[in-house]
Amino acid sequence: MDSYEQDAKIFKALCDPRRLAILEQLRSGEKCACKLQEPLALTQSGLSYHMKILCESGLVLARQEGKWTHYRLSADGQARAVQRLLALTTPNAEAPACGCCGQ
């Protein structure tokens, strides 16, 4: 997968208030889907939609236990998100000057 495609998945995961609220809930540790659904006032299908995006981004990991899915934050996903945000927003001093105006 292209690096920018993975970057887009990370930032898509972070651009929705409900997904930010889910991440906040997961800061205190692994949670079953049933424990995430009620305080966030999400239906099962709504939670499933948001969790799919969060898991595809790499920010959240999922595991099955019986009929329930448990979610937790991913340290690797967090590190990648921070690293990519810094890389994309840090000016490159070695970049060539603009060809038309020299800046």
Protein backbone atom coordinates (compact mmCIF):
# COMPACT_ATOMS: atom_id res chain seq x y z
CA MET A 1 0.00 0.00 0.00
CA ASP A 2 1.21 3.47 -0.89
CA SER A 3 2.48 5.46 2.11
CA TYR A 4 0.06 8.31 1.37
CA GLU A 5 -2.86 5.87 1.29
CA GLN A 6 -1.94 4.63 4.78
CA ASP A 7 -1.46 8.24 5.93
CA ALA A 8 -4.94 9.08 4.64
CA LYS A 9 -6.39 6.16 6.65
CA ILE A 10 -4.75 7.45 9.81
CA PHE A 11 -5.97 11.01 9.35
CA LYS A 12 -9.44 9.87 8.25
CA ALA A 13 -9.68 7.98 11.53
CA LEU A 14 -8.91 11.18 13.42
CA CYS A 15 -11.30 13.50 11.59
CA ASP A 16 -14.58 12.38 13.18
CA PRO A 17 -15.73 13.46 16.67
CA ARG A 18 -17.21 10.03 17.43
CA ARG A 19 -13.94 8.28 16.59
CA LEU A 20 -12.05 10.75 18.78
CA ALA A 21 -14.48 9.94 21.61
CA ILE A 22 -13.84 6.21 21.04
CA LEU A 23 -10.08 6.79 21.24
CA GLU A 24 -10.60 8.72 24.46
CA GLN A 25 -12.59 5.80 25.91
CA LEU A 26 -9.81 3.37 24.96
CA ARG A 27 -7.15 5.43 26.76
CA SER A 28 -8.15 3.72 30.01
CA GLY A 29 -7.53 0.26 28.53
CA GLU A 30 -9.09 -2.48 26.45
CA LYS A 31 -12.86 -2.36 26.18
CA CYS A 32 -15.51 -4.69 24.87
CA ALA A 33 -17.67 -3.28 22.09
CA CYS A 34 -20.67 -3.41 24.44
CA LYS A 35 -18.85 -1.07 26.86
CA LEU A 36 -18.08 1.44 24.09
CA GLN A 37 -21.53 1.49 22.55
CA GLU A 38 -23.65 2.82 25.43
CA PRO A 39 -21.68 5.87 26.65
CA LEU A 40 -21.16 7.04 23.07
CA ALA A 41 -24.84 6.55 22.15
CA LEU A 42 -23.95 4.51 19.07
CA THR A 43 -25.91 1.67 17.55
CA GLN A 44 -24.10 -1.61 17.02
CA SER A 45 -23.79 -0.90 13.29
CA GLY A 46 -22.60 2.66 13.96
CA LEU A 47 -19.92 1.46 16.37
CA SER A 48 -18.89 -1.27 13.94
CA TYR A 49 -18.46 1.30 11.15
CA HIS A 50 -16.24 3.54 13.28
CA MET A 51 -14.21 0.62 14.67
CA LYS A 52 -13.53 -0.65 11.14
CA ILE A 53 -12.02 2.72 10.23
CA LEU A 54 -10.00 2.90 13.45
CA CYS A 55 -8.68 -0.65 13.01
CA GLU A 56 -7.82 -0.11 9.32
CA SER A 57 -5.85 2.99 10.33
CA GLY A 58 -3.72 0.91 12.67
CA LEU A 59 -4.59 3.09 15.67
CA VAL A 60 -6.77 0.41 17.27
CA LEU A 61 -6.36 -3.36 17.58
CA ALA A 62 -9.25 -5.81 17.87
CA ARG A 63 -9.54 -9.31 19.26
CA GLN A 64 -12.47 -11.71 19.37
CA GLU A 65 -13.57 -13.37 22.57
CA GLY A 66 -16.63 -15.49 21.98
CA LYS A 67 -19.27 -13.33 20.34
CA TRP A 68 -17.72 -10.08 21.56
CA THR A 69 -14.95 -7.99 20.07
CA HIS A 70 -12.52 -6.23 22.39
CA TYR A 71 -10.61 -3.13 21.29
CA ARG A 72 -7.44 -1.46 22.51
CA LEU A 73 -5.10 1.30 21.39
CA SER A 74 -2.10 0.27 19.32
CA ALA A 75 1.27 1.64 20.45
CA ASP A 76 2.68 0.94 16.96
CA GLY A 77 -0.24 2.78 15.36
CA GLN A 78 0.25 5.74 17.65
CA ALA A 79 3.97 5.91 16.87
CA ARG A 80 3.31 5.75 13.12
CA ALA A 81 0.65 8.48 13.30
CA VAL A 82 2.94 10.81 15.25
CA GLN A 83 5.89 10.09 12.96
CA ARG A 84 3.86 10.72 9.79
CA LEU A 85 2.31 13.93 11.12
CA LEU A 86 5.77 15.26 11.98
CA ALA A 87 7.19 14.17 8.62
CA LEU A 88 4.36 15.79 6.67
CA THR A 89 4.36 19.07 8.60
CA THR A 90 8.07 19.70 9.16
CA PRO A 91 9.61 22.02 6.55
CA ASN A 92 12.33 20.42 4.43
CA ALA A 93 15.28 22.84 4.49
CA GLU A 94 17.01 20.85 1.74
CA ALA A 95 14.16 21.18 -0.76
CA PRO A 96 15.05 23.05 -3.94
CA ALA A 97 13.84 26.62 -4.26
CA CYS A 98 10.80 27.41 -6.36
CA GLY A 99 11.82 27.56 -10.04
CA CYS A 100 9.66 30.58 -10.91
CA CYS A 101 10.42 32.94 -8.05
CA GLY A 102 13.46 31.41 -6.31
CA GLN A 103 11.76 31.12 -2.93
